[in-house]
């Protein structure tokens, strides 16, 4: 069954390149978005922790 699927996929270069480009783009987004989120969280956390509490 896998042999038939690979044969059908390799027969159409446009479909193959589309799948490869889609997977590449999806992996880029999966890596980039958490990095942006963690960067924003670290910047906002440092701002909150640097303000501190007022002394009484």
C-alpha atoms as a PDB file:
ATOM      1  CA  UNK A   1       0.000   0.000   0.000  1.00  0.00           C
ATOM      2  CA  UNK A   2       2.815   2.414   0.816  1.00  0.00           C
ATOM      3  CA  UNK A   3       4.460   1.538  -2.502  1.00  0.00           C
ATOM      4  CA  UNK A   4       1.330   2.595  -4.390  1.00  0.00           C
ATOM      5  CA  UNK A   5       1.088   5.862  -2.436  1.00  0.00           C
ATOM      6  CA  UNK A   6       4.735   6.751  -3.105  1.00  0.00           C
ATOM      7  CA  UNK A   7       4.360   5.848  -6.777  1.00  0.00           C
ATOM      8  CA  UNK A   8       1.287   8.105  -7.120  1.00  0.00           C
ATOM      9  CA  UNK A   9       3.033  10.952  -5.285  1.00  0.00           C
ATOM     10  CA  UNK A  10       6.250  10.790  -7.291  1.00  0.00           C
ATOM     11  CA  UNK A  11       4.331  10.663 -10.569  1.00  0.00           C
ATOM     12  CA  UNK A  12       3.128  14.274 -10.230  1.00  0.00           C
ATOM     13  CA  UNK A  13       6.007  16.702  -9.619  1.00  0.00           C
ATOM     14  CA  UNK A  14       3.709  19.650  -8.940  1.00  0.00           C
ATOM     15  CA  UNK A  15       1.857  17.795  -6.204  1.00  0.00           C
ATOM     16  CA  UNK A  16       5.121  16.549  -4.715  1.00  0.00           C
ATOM     17  CA  UNK A  17       6.685  20.018  -4.635  1.00  0.00           C
ATOM     18  CA  UNK A  18       3.485  21.476  -3.178  1.00  0.00           C
ATOM     19  CA  UNK A  19       3.486  18.959  -0.342  1.00  0.00           C
ATOM     20  CA  UNK A  20       7.188  19.496   0.378  1.00  0.00           C
ATOM     21  CA  UNK A  21       6.812  23.291   0.359  1.00  0.00           C
ATOM     22  CA  UNK A  22       3.715  23.066   2.568  1.00  0.00           C
ATOM     23  CA  UNK A  23       5.487  20.884   5.110  1.00  0.00           C
ATOM     24  CA  UNK A  24       8.495  23.210   5.063  1.00  0.00           C
ATOM     25  CA  UNK A  25       6.295  26.242   5.672  1.00  0.00           C
ATOM     26  CA  UNK A  26       4.369  24.469   8.440  1.00  0.00           C
ATOM     27  CA  UNK A  27       7.578  23.515  10.243  1.00  0.00           C
ATOM     28  CA  UNK A  28       8.841  27.101   9.929  1.00  0.00           C
ATOM     29  CA  UNK A  29       5.644  28.445  11.479  1.00  0.00           C
ATOM     30  CA  UNK A  30       5.738  25.816  14.245  1.00  0.00           C
ATOM     31  CA  UNK A  31       9.253  26.988  15.137  1.00  0.00           C
ATOM     32  CA  UNK A  32       8.781  30.729  14.687  1.00  0.00           C
ATOM     33  CA  UNK A  33       5.540  31.322  16.562  1.00  0.00           C
ATOM     34  CA  UNK A  34       6.599  29.834  19.938  1.00  0.00           C
ATOM     35  CA  UNK A  35       9.843  31.823  19.669  1.00  0.00           C
ATOM     36  CA  UNK A  36       7.889  35.051  19.180  1.00  0.00           C
ATOM     37  CA  UNK A  37       5.574  34.159  22.076  1.00  0.00           C
ATOM     38  CA  UNK A  38       8.449  33.391  24.438  1.00  0.00           C
ATOM     39  CA  UNK A  39      10.225  36.599  23.438  1.00  0.00           C
ATOM     40  CA  UNK A  40       7.137  38.669  24.191  1.00  0.00           C
ATOM     41  CA  UNK A  41       6.582  36.880  27.500  1.00  0.00           C
ATOM     42  CA  UNK A  42      10.188  37.417  28.616  1.00  0.00           C
ATOM     43  CA  UNK A  43       9.990  41.128  27.785  1.00  0.00           C
ATOM     44  CA  UNK A  44       6.688  41.648  29.593  1.00  0.00           C
ATOM     45  CA  UNK A  45       7.818  39.599  32.600  1.00  0.00           C
ATOM     46  CA  UNK A  46      11.027  41.618  32.960  1.00  0.00           C
ATOM     47  CA  UNK A  47       9.018  44.860  32.863  1.00  0.00           C
ATOM     48  CA  UNK A  48       6.656  43.653  35.610  1.00  0.00           C
ATOM     49  CA  UNK A  49       9.441  42.312  37.820  1.00  0.00           C
ATOM     50  CA  UNK A  50      11.548  45.497  37.449  1.00  0.00           C
ATOM     51  CA  UNK A  51       8.705  47.790  38.576  1.00  0.00           C
ATOM     52  CA  UNK A  52       8.501  46.266  42.008  1.00  0.00           C
ATOM     53  CA  UNK A  53       6.149  47.082  44.863  1.00  0.00           C
ATOM     54  CA  UNK A  54       6.057  50.506  46.511  1.00  0.00           C
ATOM     55  CA  UNK A  55       7.437  50.614  50.048  1.00  0.00           C
ATOM     56  CA  UNK A  56       5.242  51.731  52.969  1.00  0.00           C
END
